[in-house]
Amino acid sequence: MRQRLLAVIALASLLLGGCSVGEAPSRQATPSPTPAVSTLQKLAAVAPPPPLALPSGPVSVSSQQVTYSRGGRTLRTVIWTPDGMSKAPAVLFSHGLNGSPEAFAPLLQTWAAAGFVVIAPAYPNTTRGTAKLDVYDVLNQPADASYVLGQVLSGPLGKRIDTTRIAAAGHSAGAITTVGLFTTGRDPRLRAGIIMAGSGLGVGTDFSGTPAALFFIHGNADPLISYASGKAAYNAVPWSKAMLTIEGGNHGDPYLTPGSAAYQTVTSSTLAFLRLELYGDQAARQALEPTSDLDSHL
């Protein structure tokens, strides 16, 4: 209990610095040490699903906004849908502190145009414009995310989603939320995850449940969530995994600045990962082969 309390305090100290682009950090927390595991001895392979036909090229994208309520928690949700597809894989996306789904629209629309339904809730106490920003509420967000996914799947749009091909993704506090979906709040519907500038702070690194492939992306000059803490979470994953190091990358630009070289790298690598893990596209594996910047055990 004491260890978890310390983690929560560290989480608050870290995220109060701000997760959104343009906000300077006030201080940086020191993550709790996480023992590394032997990736070669304990790695559990995650077999990609049977191949699913990819769109022949970028498709047009429609968007809609739906609001859900979980125990009084209002969850405004933006959903991007690829047009003309009867059934598609889905990605559940979580924004960072003082962020929003719209801030990531260029990246999320690119995913949708490649054939993925993207579901992005705005969390009630951490989204931009909230009346009372509450850092500690990040710990409630894995349950929020799972709830939103369930509501979408049980609604009209659920018929257009392949429920065997769902991933989660997030940035900063949203990446911590995503880690939580594979640890303390394990959602068994998820078969893959993308953690961008995140760590296990507050949600731990006790990855559990059915093995799921995870892809970490982190700038090694990140001033808010340290590269070391992201690497510690990556090392703790006992399943198929990869980690892309953005040389000189900070906390936001690689994910929020279209046109930059780092942004293009994030876009192409995340698309390759999603195609491999949700479409079973073996050709995408080539883009995830180990290099000096990419540690891969997929």
Protein backbone atom coordinates (compact mmCIF):
# COMPACT_ATOMS: atom_id res chain seq x y z
CA MET A 1 0.00 0.00 0.00
CA ARG A 2 2.81 2.42 0.90
CA GLN A 3 4.57 1.71 -2.41
CA ARG A 4 1.39 2.46 -4.36
CA LEU A 5 0.85 5.69 -2.39
CA LEU A 6 4.37 6.83 -3.22
CA ALA A 7 3.75 6.01 -6.88
CA VAL A 8 0.58 8.10 -6.87
CA ILE A 9 2.42 11.04 -5.29
CA ALA A 10 5.18 10.70 -7.88
CA LEU A 11 2.59 10.58 -10.63
CA ALA A 12 1.00 13.81 -9.43
CA SER A 13 4.37 15.53 -9.14
CA LEU A 14 5.29 14.47 -12.64
CA LEU A 15 2.06 15.30 -14.43
CA LEU A 16 1.56 18.64 -12.72
CA GLY A 17 4.41 19.74 -14.95
CA GLY A 18 1.96 19.40 -17.82
CA CYS A 19 1.60 16.84 -20.59
CA SER A 20 0.42 19.10 -23.37
CA VAL A 21 2.69 20.80 -25.84
CA GLY A 22 3.67 24.34 -25.03
CA GLU A 23 3.60 23.97 -21.24
CA ALA A 24 6.99 24.06 -19.57
CA PRO A 25 7.62 21.46 -16.86
CA SER A 26 7.92 22.73 -13.31
CA ARG A 27 9.77 19.69 -12.05
CA GLN A 28 10.39 16.09 -12.94
CA ALA A 29 9.61 13.12 -10.74
CA THR A 30 12.03 10.29 -10.18
CA PRO A 31 10.26 7.04 -11.13
CA SER A 32 10.21 4.13 -8.75
CA PRO A 33 12.85 1.61 -9.77
CA THR A 34 11.46 -1.24 -11.82
CA PRO A 35 13.37 -4.51 -12.04
CA ALA A 36 14.16 -5.50 -15.61
CA VAL A 37 13.17 -8.90 -16.89
CA SER A 38 15.10 -11.07 -19.29
CA THR A 39 13.41 -10.38 -22.61
CA LEU A 40 15.00 -13.45 -24.13
CA GLN A 41 14.02 -15.89 -21.38
CA LYS A 42 10.55 -14.58 -20.53
CA LEU A 43 9.33 -13.14 -23.81
CA ALA A 44 5.94 -14.56 -24.74
CA ALA A 45 5.31 -14.39 -28.46
CA VAL A 46 2.03 -12.87 -29.62
CA ALA A 47 0.98 -14.37 -32.92
CA PRO A 48 -0.63 -11.84 -35.26
CA PRO A 49 -4.26 -12.59 -36.18
CA PRO A 50 -5.20 -14.25 -39.47
CA PRO A 51 -4.55 -11.87 -42.37
CA LEU A 52 -7.30 -9.36 -43.10
CA ALA A 53 -7.42 -7.51 -46.40
CA LEU A 54 -5.98 -4.01 -46.07
CA PRO A 55 -7.57 -1.04 -47.84
CA SER A 56 -5.94 -0.58 -51.25
CA GLY A 57 -5.08 3.00 -50.30
CA PRO A 58 -6.11 5.82 -47.97
CA VAL A 59 -9.88 5.96 -47.51
CA SER A 60 -12.09 8.90 -46.62
CA VAL A 61 -12.83 9.36 -42.94
CA SER A 62 -15.99 10.38 -41.09
CA SER A 63 -16.09 11.66 -37.52
CA GLN A 64 -18.74 11.80 -34.87
CA GLN A 65 -18.98 12.83 -31.24
CA VAL A 66 -20.80 10.81 -28.58
CA THR A 67 -21.04 11.49 -24.86
CA TYR A 68 -21.17 8.69 -22.31
CA SER A 69 -21.53 8.79 -18.53
CA ARG A 70 -19.88 6.40 -16.09
CA GLY A 71 -21.05 6.97 -12.55
CA GLY A 72 -21.46 10.68 -13.17
CA ARG A 73 -18.17 10.94 -15.08
CA THR A 74 -18.87 12.63 -18.41
CA LEU A 75 -16.86 11.11 -21.24
CA ARG A 76 -17.14 13.11 -24.44
CA THR A 77 -15.79 10.79 -27.12
CA VAL A 78 -14.63 11.54 -30.66
CA ILE A 79 -14.76 8.63 -33.10
CA TRP A 80 -13.06 8.59 -36.49
CA THR A 81 -14.37 5.91 -38.87
CA PRO A 82 -12.96 4.76 -42.23
CA ASP A 83 -15.69 5.06 -44.84
CA GLY A 84 -16.80 2.15 -46.99
CA MET A 85 -15.56 -0.62 -44.68
CA SER A 86 -18.13 -3.06 -43.33
CA LYS A 87 -15.85 -4.22 -40.50
CA ALA A 88 -12.53 -2.80 -39.32
CA PRO A 89 -10.06 -3.10 -36.43
CA ALA A 90 -10.23 -0.40 -33.75
CA VAL A 91 -7.81 1.69 -31.67
CA LEU A 92 -8.80 3.16 -28.29
CA PHE A 93 -6.80 6.39 -27.86
CA SER A 94 -6.11 8.34 -24.63
CA HIS A 95 -4.89 11.96 -24.56
CA GLY A 96 -2.45 13.45 -22.06
CA LEU A 97 -2.92 15.91 -19.20
CA ASN A 98 -4.57 19.13 -20.41
CA GLY A 99 -4.91 17.51 -23.82
CA SER A 100 -7.82 16.49 -26.02
CA PRO A 101 -8.69 14.06 -28.81
CA GLU A 102 -8.70 16.97 -31.26
CA ALA A 103 -5.08 17.84 -30.47
CA PHE A 104 -4.09 14.48 -31.97
CA ALA A 105 -6.47 14.67 -34.93
CA PRO A 106 -3.76 14.61 -37.65
CA LEU A 107 -2.28 11.35 -36.33
CA LEU A 108 -5.62 9.75 -35.47
CA GLN A 109 -7.17 10.65 -38.81
CA THR A 110 -4.16 9.09 -40.53
CA TRP A 111 -4.80 5.86 -38.63
CA ALA A 112 -8.48 5.98 -39.57
CA ALA A 113 -7.66 6.59 -43.24
CA ALA A 114 -5.51 3.46 -43.13
CA GLY A 115 -8.48 1.34 -42.08
CA PHE A 116 -8.84 1.68 -38.29
CA VAL A 117 -11.79 2.92 -36.28
CA VAL A 118 -10.29 5.34 -33.71
CA ILE A 119 -12.14 5.88 -30.42
CA ALA A 120 -10.84 8.83 -28.37
CA PRO A 121 -12.48 9.82 -25.07
CA ALA A 122 -11.89 13.19 -23.43
CA TYR A 123 -11.36 12.41 -19.75
CA PRO A 124 -13.45 14.51 -17.37
CA ASN A 125 -10.75 15.82 -15.05
CA THR A 126 -7.65 15.90 -17.24
CA THR A 127 -8.88 17.23 -20.58
CA ARG A 128 -8.18 20.77 -21.77
CA GLY A 129 -10.77 23.23 -20.48
CA THR A 130 -11.91 21.15 -17.52
CA ALA A 131 -13.14 23.18 -14.56
CA LYS A 132 -10.82 21.44 -12.13
CA LEU A 133 -7.70 19.70 -13.37
CA ASP A 134 -7.07 16.63 -11.18
CA VAL A 135 -3.80 14.81 -11.81
CA TYR A 136 -4.72 11.94 -9.52
CA ASP A 137 -7.73 11.20 -11.71
CA VAL A 138 -5.41 9.64 -14.28
CA LEU A 139 -5.66 6.50 -12.14
CA ASN A 140 -9.40 6.32 -12.89
CA GLN A 141 -8.90 6.59 -16.63
CA PRO A 142 -8.19 2.94 -17.50
CA ALA A 143 -11.69 2.12 -16.21
CA ASP A 144 -13.09 5.08 -18.19
CA ALA A 145 -11.39 3.85 -21.35
CA SER A 146 -12.71 0.31 -20.93
CA TYR A 147 -16.20 1.65 -20.30
CA VAL A 148 -16.15 3.81 -23.43
CA LEU A 149 -14.94 0.86 -25.51
CA GLY A 150 -17.78 -1.27 -24.18
CA GLN A 151 -20.35 1.42 -24.96
CA VAL A 152 -19.09 1.82 -28.52
CA LEU A 153 -19.05 -1.93 -29.11
CA SER A 154 -22.60 -2.32 -27.79
CA GLY A 155 -23.92 0.59 -29.88
CA PRO A 156 -24.65 1.00 -33.59
CA LEU A 157 -20.98 1.44 -34.48
CA GLY A 158 -20.08 -1.85 -32.81
CA LYS A 159 -21.31 -3.77 -35.85
CA ARG A 160 -18.54 -2.13 -37.89
CA ILE A 161 -15.71 -3.14 -35.51
CA ASP A 162 -13.91 -6.47 -35.53
CA THR A 163 -13.89 -7.22 -31.79
CA THR A 164 -10.96 -9.63 -32.14
CA ARG A 165 -8.71 -6.85 -33.48
CA ILE A 166 -8.62 -4.01 -30.94
CA ALA A 167 -5.63 -2.03 -29.67
CA ALA A 168 -5.15 0.79 -27.17
CA ALA A 169 -2.82 3.76 -27.57
CA GLY A 170 -2.02 6.94 -25.70
CA HIS A 171 0.38 9.81 -25.11
CA SER A 172 1.89 10.95 -21.79
CA ALA A 173 -0.81 10.63 -19.09
CA GLY A 174 -2.80 8.85 -21.78
CA ALA A 175 0.12 6.48 -22.27
CA ILE A 176 0.09 5.79 -18.52
CA THR A 177 -3.65 5.16 -18.92
CA THR A 178 -2.83 2.73 -21.72
CA VAL A 179 -0.24 0.90 -19.61
CA GLY A 180 -2.95 0.61 -16.96
CA LEU A 181 -5.17 -1.19 -19.48
CA PHE A 182 -2.56 -3.96 -19.54
CA THR A 183 -1.73 -3.95 -15.79
CA THR A 184 -4.05 -2.89 -12.96
CA GLY A 185 -7.05 -2.46 -15.26
CA ARG A 186 -6.33 -5.21 -17.78
CA ASP A 187 -8.92 -5.15 -20.54
CA PRO A 188 -9.05 -8.63 -22.11
CA ARG A 189 -10.44 -7.25 -25.38
CA LEU A 190 -7.10 -5.63 -26.22
CA ARG A 191 -4.52 -7.55 -28.24
CA ALA A 192 -1.99 -4.71 -28.74
CA GLY A 193 -0.96 -1.33 -27.36
CA ILE A 194 1.06 1.78 -28.26
CA ILE A 195 2.68 3.75 -25.42
CA MET A 196 3.95 7.16 -26.56
CA ALA A 197 6.06 9.05 -23.98
CA GLY A 198 4.63 7.01 -21.13
CA SER A 199 5.61 4.85 -18.19
CA GLY A 200 4.11 2.61 -15.52
CA LEU A 201 4.06 5.37 -12.92
CA GLY A 202 0.94 5.01 -10.76
CA VAL A 203 -0.39 1.95 -12.62
CA GLY A 204 2.61 -0.34 -12.18
CA THR A 205 4.30 -2.73 -14.56
CA ASP A 206 2.65 -5.97 -13.49
CA PHE A 207 1.54 -6.84 -17.01
CA SER A 208 -1.09 -9.54 -16.81
CA GLY A 209 -3.68 -11.49 -18.74
CA THR A 210 -3.45 -12.81 -22.27
CA PRO A 211 -0.18 -11.72 -23.91
CA ALA A 212 -0.49 -8.58 -26.03
CA ALA A 213 2.11 -6.97 -28.28
CA LEU A 214 3.20 -3.53 -27.02
CA PHE A 215 5.02 -0.76 -28.88
CA PHE A 216 6.78 1.97 -26.88
CA ILE A 217 7.93 5.25 -28.45
CA HIS A 218 9.95 7.72 -26.39
CA GLY A 219 12.20 10.69 -27.04
CA ASN A 220 15.51 10.39 -25.21
CA ALA A 221 15.40 14.12 -24.39
CA ASP A 222 11.89 14.05 -22.90
CA PRO A 223 11.88 16.57 -20.00
CA LEU A 224 8.56 15.45 -18.48
CA ILE A 225 8.43 11.67 -18.48
CA SER A 226 11.97 10.42 -18.49
CA TYR A 227 13.25 8.11 -21.16
CA ALA A 228 14.57 5.85 -18.38
CA SER A 229 11.10 5.40 -16.88
CA GLY A 230 9.65 4.53 -20.27
CA LYS A 231 12.46 2.05 -20.89
CA ALA A 232 11.86 0.50 -17.44
CA ALA A 233 8.22 -0.15 -18.35
CA TYR A 234 9.30 -1.60 -21.68
CA ASN A 235 11.81 -3.90 -19.99
CA ALA A 236 9.07 -5.21 -17.68
CA VAL A 237 6.82 -6.34 -20.53
CA PRO A 238 6.93 -10.16 -20.71
CA TRP A 239 5.28 -10.30 -24.15
CA SER A 240 6.13 -9.41 -27.73
CA LYS A 241 7.32 -5.82 -27.78
CA ALA A 242 9.27 -3.10 -29.51
CA MET A 243 10.65 0.27 -28.43
CA LEU A 244 11.48 3.12 -30.80
CA THR A 245 13.90 5.74 -29.47
CA ILE A 246 13.44 9.22 -30.95
CA GLU A 247 16.93 10.72 -30.83
CA GLY A 248 16.70 14.18 -29.30
CA GLY A 249 12.91 13.84 -29.16
CA ASN A 250 11.06 15.88 -26.56
CA HIS A 251 7.68 15.23 -24.94
CA GLY A 252 5.34 16.46 -27.64
CA ASP A 253 6.79 17.33 -31.04
CA PRO A 254 7.25 13.76 -32.32
CA TYR A 255 3.52 13.12 -31.86
CA LEU A 256 1.92 16.51 -32.49
CA THR A 257 3.95 18.30 -35.16
CA PRO A 258 3.01 17.13 -38.66
CA GLY A 259 5.77 17.66 -41.17
CA SER A 260 8.66 17.06 -38.82
CA ALA A 261 10.93 14.08 -39.44
CA ALA A 262 10.18 12.64 -36.00
CA TYR A 263 6.43 12.94 -36.55
CA GLN A 264 6.71 11.09 -39.84
CA THR A 265 8.69 8.35 -38.11
CA VAL A 266 5.99 8.02 -35.44
CA THR A 267 3.26 7.92 -38.07
CA SER A 268 4.90 5.30 -40.26
CA SER A 269 6.04 3.08 -37.38
CA THR A 270 2.69 3.11 -35.57
CA LEU A 271 0.88 2.29 -38.81
CA ALA A 272 3.27 -0.61 -39.42
CA PHE A 273 2.69 -1.89 -35.89
CA LEU A 274 -1.11 -1.63 -36.17
CA ARG A 275 -1.11 -3.31 -39.56
CA LEU A 276 0.99 -6.17 -38.23
CA GLU A 277 -0.89 -6.70 -34.99
CA LEU A 278 -4.46 -5.98 -36.09
CA TYR A 279 -4.45 -6.85 -39.80
CA GLY A 280 -1.89 -9.66 -39.63
CA ASP A 281 0.09 -7.93 -42.39
CA GLN A 282 3.46 -9.69 -42.34
CA ALA A 283 4.92 -7.22 -44.83
CA ALA A 284 4.63 -4.55 -42.12
CA ARG A 285 7.06 -6.49 -39.95
CA GLN A 286 9.97 -5.30 -42.09
CA ALA A 287 9.42 -1.73 -40.86
CA LEU A 288 9.79 -2.99 -37.29
CA GLU A 289 13.01 -4.94 -37.67
CA PRO A 290 15.64 -4.00 -35.05
CA THR A 291 17.88 -1.03 -35.84
CA SER A 292 20.06 1.28 -33.78
CA ASP A 293 16.89 3.22 -32.80
CA LEU A 294 14.43 0.34 -32.60
CA ASP A 295 14.62 -2.51 -30.13
CA SER A 296 12.16 -5.11 -31.36
CA HIS A 297 11.06 -8.52 -30.12
CA LEU A 298 7.88 -8.75 -32.19
